[in-house]
């Protein structure tokens, strides 16, 4: 049933939400017969591969492993100076609390813009579709909506991810997982930007070993039969975006923003480690110097 359904709709062109709804309905009905869960990811351009932000650069697994650690450490130092960007909810009362906080910080970092081996997905097809059509620079150009039928044994919900995250460092993980992390605080009085984006986007995270993560998911033989790729017609993007907005799916709400300066600093951290351009390193050093001078003046 799954191969036939995927073959039936593979690379179908979508020109409206009405085109999409019957396909989504058939996909969702598969849960009646199979232990799977559909996850959705939208791309603004048809040429984009299914890979994580970190894996988009032509690096070996060993190179990416080092970069991954360096980027995260710089990010962590930066973000600890900022209020309400990431939250570390676990105290010493929890077994493996330091590892659990590292995982939870990484989930939030992914949604704040840090390049990681995690790949964003959503269980809400409208959120994924929104990301495929929201950028006006790519109107008239085809995008994609990919549906990943994740087997039940790869779904890591509250209990399973608690067990893994208390014993395994995310940077040495070798398990294929689609993670549904609990979001611990979404009350309006809490303003943790990473948590808000995860919650508002119904976010899930696909994670693999660093060796597997360098291979686009759509090129991994074991997962190819579980991926349905739909083409979002470029000429129809503006209309689809308007349809979504009438349904309440707007990028400004789902992609909650707080401090553009911090966003820029995180982008710079990424570029310092993944670009060969010495200018980014110079800019980063200037930024750190300015921060140090500002800190000295406060003393």
Protein backbone atom coordinates (compact mmCIF):
# COMPACT_ATOMS: atom_id res chain seq x y z
CA UNK A 1 0.00 0.00 0.00
CA UNK A 2 2.78 2.48 0.89
CA UNK A 3 4.84 1.95 -2.30
CA UNK A 4 1.72 2.22 -4.46
CA UNK A 5 0.57 5.42 -2.76
CA UNK A 6 3.99 7.05 -3.02
CA UNK A 7 4.29 6.04 -6.68
CA UNK A 8 0.82 7.45 -7.35
CA UNK A 9 1.71 10.94 -6.14
CA UNK A 10 5.51 11.15 -6.45
CA UNK A 11 6.51 14.55 -7.92
CA UNK A 12 2.91 15.64 -8.39
CA UNK A 13 2.57 19.37 -9.00
CA UNK A 14 0.59 21.31 -6.40
CA UNK A 15 -1.10 24.55 -7.48
CA UNK A 16 -3.45 25.07 -4.53
CA UNK A 17 -4.23 23.80 -1.06
CA UNK A 18 -7.22 21.98 -2.53
CA UNK A 19 -4.78 19.99 -4.69
CA UNK A 20 -2.92 18.97 -1.58
CA UNK A 21 -5.70 18.07 0.85
CA UNK A 22 -6.74 14.71 -0.75
CA UNK A 23 -3.10 13.57 -0.85
CA UNK A 24 -2.59 14.49 2.81
CA UNK A 25 -5.78 12.65 3.73
CA UNK A 26 -4.64 9.45 2.03
CA UNK A 27 -1.22 9.69 3.65
CA UNK A 28 -2.73 10.20 7.11
CA UNK A 29 -4.99 7.20 6.65
CA UNK A 30 -1.92 4.97 6.38
CA UNK A 31 -1.60 5.25 10.17
CA UNK A 32 -4.67 3.04 10.45
CA UNK A 33 -2.77 0.13 8.90
CA UNK A 34 0.90 0.82 9.62
CA UNK A 35 3.01 1.89 12.57
CA UNK A 36 4.24 5.10 10.97
CA UNK A 37 3.98 8.85 11.44
CA UNK A 38 4.08 11.34 8.61
CA UNK A 39 6.42 14.31 8.96
CA UNK A 40 6.60 17.27 6.59
CA UNK A 41 9.38 19.54 5.32
CA UNK A 42 9.09 22.44 2.90
CA UNK A 43 11.79 23.85 0.62
CA UNK A 44 11.51 27.10 -1.30
CA UNK A 45 13.52 25.69 -4.22
CA UNK A 46 13.13 22.36 -5.99
CA UNK A 47 16.91 21.94 -6.17
CA UNK A 48 17.37 21.75 -2.38
CA UNK A 49 18.40 18.40 -0.94
CA UNK A 50 17.13 16.78 2.24
CA UNK A 51 20.09 17.42 4.47
CA UNK A 52 20.88 19.27 7.66
CA UNK A 53 22.33 22.75 7.75
CA UNK A 54 25.72 21.43 8.83
CA UNK A 55 25.82 18.83 6.04
CA UNK A 56 25.28 21.34 3.22
CA UNK A 57 28.99 22.07 3.14
CA UNK A 58 31.50 19.87 1.39
CA UNK A 59 33.19 18.52 4.51
CA UNK A 60 34.22 15.05 5.66
CA UNK A 61 32.49 13.53 8.69
CA UNK A 62 35.61 14.07 10.82
CA UNK A 63 35.80 17.73 9.76
CA UNK A 64 32.11 18.24 10.50
CA UNK A 65 32.47 16.57 13.88
CA UNK A 66 35.07 19.13 14.94
CA UNK A 67 33.14 22.03 13.42
CA UNK A 68 29.96 20.86 15.16
CA UNK A 69 31.63 21.03 18.57
CA UNK A 70 33.34 24.36 17.90
CA UNK A 71 30.18 26.02 16.60
CA UNK A 72 28.11 24.81 19.53
CA UNK A 73 30.67 25.91 22.12
CA UNK A 74 30.84 29.43 20.67
CA UNK A 75 27.06 29.57 20.42
CA UNK A 76 26.69 28.43 24.03
CA UNK A 77 29.06 31.12 25.31
CA UNK A 78 27.18 33.77 23.33
CA UNK A 79 23.71 32.69 24.32
CA UNK A 80 24.49 32.45 28.04
CA UNK A 81 24.95 36.23 27.97
CA UNK A 82 21.46 36.70 26.55
CA UNK A 83 18.20 36.56 28.45
CA UNK A 84 15.51 34.09 27.47
CA UNK A 85 17.10 32.61 24.35
CA UNK A 86 17.58 29.01 25.41
CA UNK A 87 16.40 27.34 28.57
CA UNK A 88 18.06 24.51 30.42
CA UNK A 89 15.22 22.96 32.41
CA UNK A 90 17.05 20.05 34.03
CA UNK A 91 18.64 20.33 37.47
CA UNK A 92 20.93 17.98 39.38
CA UNK A 93 17.82 16.08 40.51
CA UNK A 94 17.68 14.48 37.04
CA UNK A 95 19.91 11.60 36.04
CA UNK A 96 22.32 12.74 33.33
CA UNK A 97 21.06 16.32 33.65
CA UNK A 98 24.06 17.86 31.89
CA UNK A 99 23.58 15.68 28.80
CA UNK A 100 19.82 16.27 28.85
CA UNK A 101 20.37 20.02 28.95
CA UNK A 102 22.84 19.74 26.06
CA UNK A 103 20.28 17.93 23.92
CA UNK A 104 17.56 20.42 24.83
CA UNK A 105 19.86 23.37 24.16
CA UNK A 106 20.72 21.87 20.76
CA UNK A 107 17.04 21.53 19.84
CA UNK A 108 16.56 25.21 20.63
CA UNK A 109 19.81 26.21 18.90
CA UNK A 110 18.59 24.55 15.70
CA UNK A 111 15.50 26.75 15.73
CA UNK A 112 17.48 29.89 16.52
CA UNK A 113 19.67 29.45 13.45
CA UNK A 114 22.73 27.50 14.51
CA UNK A 115 23.88 24.98 11.92
CA UNK A 116 23.66 21.47 13.40
CA UNK A 117 23.30 17.89 12.21
CA UNK A 118 19.60 18.07 13.11
CA UNK A 119 17.07 18.38 10.29
CA UNK A 120 13.81 20.24 10.96
CA UNK A 121 10.47 18.60 10.22
CA UNK A 122 6.92 19.33 11.31
CA UNK A 123 3.88 17.18 11.92
CA UNK A 124 1.75 20.03 10.54
CA UNK A 125 1.79 20.02 6.71
CA UNK A 126 0.61 23.64 6.64
CA UNK A 127 3.70 24.79 8.54
CA UNK A 128 5.98 22.97 6.10
CA UNK A 129 4.04 24.34 3.13
CA UNK A 130 4.36 27.83 4.58
CA UNK A 131 8.17 27.54 4.54
CA UNK A 132 8.00 26.39 0.92
CA UNK A 133 6.05 29.46 -0.25
CA UNK A 134 6.79 32.31 2.18
CA UNK A 135 9.89 33.81 0.50
CA UNK A 136 8.79 36.28 -2.15
CA UNK A 137 12.24 36.15 -3.76
CA UNK A 138 11.36 32.62 -4.90
CA UNK A 139 7.91 33.29 -6.30
CA UNK A 140 7.70 31.88 -9.85
CA UNK A 141 10.24 29.18 -8.90
CA UNK A 142 9.14 25.68 -7.97
CA UNK A 143 9.51 24.54 -4.38
CA UNK A 144 8.89 21.20 -2.69
CA UNK A 145 6.89 19.67 0.11
CA UNK A 146 8.37 16.37 1.27
CA UNK A 147 6.48 13.83 3.34
CA UNK A 148 8.58 11.38 5.34
CA UNK A 149 6.72 8.28 6.55
CA UNK A 150 8.75 7.55 9.66
CA UNK A 151 8.54 3.98 11.05
CA UNK A 152 7.30 3.72 14.61
CA UNK A 153 10.55 2.32 15.97
CA UNK A 154 12.36 5.51 14.87
CA UNK A 155 9.91 7.82 16.65
CA UNK A 156 11.41 9.09 19.88
CA UNK A 157 8.80 10.69 22.08
CA UNK A 158 9.01 11.79 25.69
CA UNK A 159 9.98 8.49 27.36
CA UNK A 160 12.38 7.24 24.69
CA UNK A 161 14.19 10.53 24.21
CA UNK A 162 14.54 10.98 27.98
CA UNK A 163 16.38 7.68 28.14
CA UNK A 164 18.71 8.46 25.23
CA UNK A 165 19.37 12.06 26.23
CA UNK A 166 20.42 11.12 29.76
CA UNK A 167 23.10 8.67 28.56
CA UNK A 168 24.33 9.79 25.14
CA UNK A 169 26.07 12.96 24.01
CA UNK A 170 24.25 14.36 20.94
CA UNK A 171 27.59 14.70 19.15
CA UNK A 172 28.41 11.02 19.52
CA UNK A 173 24.90 9.75 18.79
CA UNK A 174 24.70 6.95 16.21
CA UNK A 175 20.95 6.24 16.31
CA UNK A 176 18.50 7.27 13.58
CA UNK A 177 15.75 9.16 15.39
CA UNK A 178 12.81 11.42 14.65
CA UNK A 179 12.60 13.31 17.92
CA UNK A 180 9.48 14.83 19.38
CA UNK A 181 10.99 16.78 22.23
CA UNK A 182 8.72 17.95 25.03
CA UNK A 183 8.47 21.74 25.10
CA UNK A 184 8.44 22.55 28.78
CA UNK A 185 7.29 26.16 28.83
CA UNK A 186 5.07 27.81 26.24
CA UNK A 187 3.24 30.19 28.56
CA UNK A 188 3.34 33.80 27.33
CA UNK A 189 5.20 34.92 30.45
CA UNK A 190 8.16 32.83 29.31
CA UNK A 191 9.94 34.23 26.31
CA UNK A 192 12.48 31.59 25.33
CA UNK A 193 12.75 32.06 21.60
CA UNK A 194 13.94 28.53 20.79
CA UNK A 195 11.08 26.90 22.69
CA UNK A 196 8.52 29.20 21.12
CA UNK A 197 9.63 28.36 17.59
CA UNK A 198 9.61 24.61 18.28
CA UNK A 199 6.13 24.78 19.78
CA UNK A 200 4.61 27.10 17.21
CA UNK A 201 5.98 25.06 14.31
CA UNK A 202 5.03 21.65 15.76
CA UNK A 203 8.70 20.90 15.27
CA UNK A 204 10.37 17.51 15.09
CA UNK A 205 14.08 16.74 14.62
CA UNK A 206 15.64 14.07 12.44
CA UNK A 207 19.08 13.09 13.68
CA UNK A 208 21.64 10.52 12.54
CA UNK A 209 25.29 9.79 13.09
CA UNK A 210 27.66 12.36 11.64
CA UNK A 211 28.71 9.76 9.04
CA UNK A 212 25.15 9.23 7.80
CA UNK A 213 24.13 12.86 8.11
CA UNK A 214 26.51 13.92 5.33
CA UNK A 215 24.41 11.84 2.90
CA UNK A 216 21.16 13.58 1.86
CA UNK A 217 18.19 11.68 3.22
CA UNK A 218 16.73 11.36 -0.28
CA UNK A 219 19.88 9.45 -1.32
CA UNK A 220 19.81 6.97 1.57
CA UNK A 221 18.50 3.68 0.15
CA UNK A 222 16.72 2.58 3.32
CA UNK A 223 14.60 5.74 3.41
CA UNK A 224 13.95 6.42 -0.26
CA UNK A 225 10.78 4.24 -0.25
CA UNK A 226 9.38 6.32 2.62
CA UNK A 227 9.76 9.75 1.02
CA UNK A 228 7.04 11.40 -1.04
CA UNK A 229 8.15 14.53 -2.88
CA UNK A 230 5.53 17.00 -4.08
CA UNK A 231 6.35 19.93 -6.38
CA UNK A 232 4.97 23.30 -5.28
CA UNK A 233 4.23 25.20 -8.48
CA UNK A 234 6.23 28.42 -8.55
CA UNK A 235 3.53 30.32 -10.38
CA UNK A 236 1.07 29.39 -7.62
CA UNK A 237 3.22 30.23 -4.59
CA UNK A 238 1.79 33.70 -4.00
CA UNK A 239 -1.76 32.36 -4.10
CA UNK A 240 -0.93 29.45 -1.77
CA UNK A 241 0.78 31.83 0.66
CA UNK A 242 -2.36 33.98 0.74
CA UNK A 243 -4.50 30.87 1.34
CA UNK A 244 -2.30 29.86 4.27
CA UNK A 245 -2.45 33.33 5.79
CA UNK A 246 -6.24 33.18 5.85
CA UNK A 247 -5.81 29.95 7.85
CA UNK A 248 -3.53 31.71 10.35
CA UNK A 249 -0.22 30.39 9.01
CA UNK A 250 2.03 33.45 8.92
CA UNK A 251 5.81 33.39 9.05
CA UNK A 252 6.06 36.26 11.55
CA UNK A 253 4.13 34.27 14.16
CA UNK A 254 5.58 30.82 13.51
CA UNK A 255 9.13 32.10 13.11
CA UNK A 256 9.07 34.24 16.25
CA UNK A 257 11.84 36.85 16.25
CA UNK A 258 13.33 38.71 19.15
CA UNK A 259 16.74 40.29 18.58
CA UNK A 260 18.09 40.71 15.06
CA UNK A 261 21.59 41.43 16.42
CA UNK A 262 21.72 38.00 18.06
CA UNK A 263 20.47 36.38 14.86
CA UNK A 264 23.31 38.07 12.98
CA UNK A 265 25.88 36.95 15.56
CA UNK A 266 24.76 33.33 15.22
CA UNK A 267 24.99 33.54 11.43
CA UNK A 268 28.51 34.91 11.82
CA UNK A 269 29.48 31.99 14.09
CA UNK A 270 28.28 29.60 11.38
CA UNK A 271 30.21 31.40 8.65
CA UNK A 272 33.46 31.60 10.64
CA UNK A 273 33.61 27.82 10.81
CA UNK A 274 32.09 26.80 7.49
CA UNK A 275 33.32 29.45 5.09
CA UNK A 276 36.90 29.74 3.88
CA UNK A 277 36.55 33.52 3.72
CA UNK A 278 38.97 35.11 6.23
CA UNK A 279 36.72 38.18 6.38
CA UNK A 280 34.17 36.37 8.55
CA UNK A 281 36.86 35.47 11.06
CA UNK A 282 37.97 39.10 11.17
CA UNK A 283 34.40 40.31 11.66
CA UNK A 284 33.90 37.80 14.47
CA UNK A 285 37.05 38.98 16.25
CA UNK A 286 35.94 42.59 15.92
CA UNK A 287 32.56 41.63 17.36
CA UNK A 288 34.20 39.90 20.33
CA UNK A 289 36.44 42.90 20.91
CA UNK A 290 33.44 45.24 20.96
CA UNK A 291 31.73 42.98 23.47
CA UNK A 292 34.82 42.94 25.67
CA UNK A 293 35.10 46.76 25.59
CA UNK A 294 31.40 47.07 26.43
CA UNK A 295 31.83 44.64 29.32
CA UNK A 296 34.85 46.57 30.66
CA UNK A 297 32.88 49.81 30.64
CA UNK A 298 30.18 48.20 32.78
CA UNK A 299 32.68 47.12 35.41
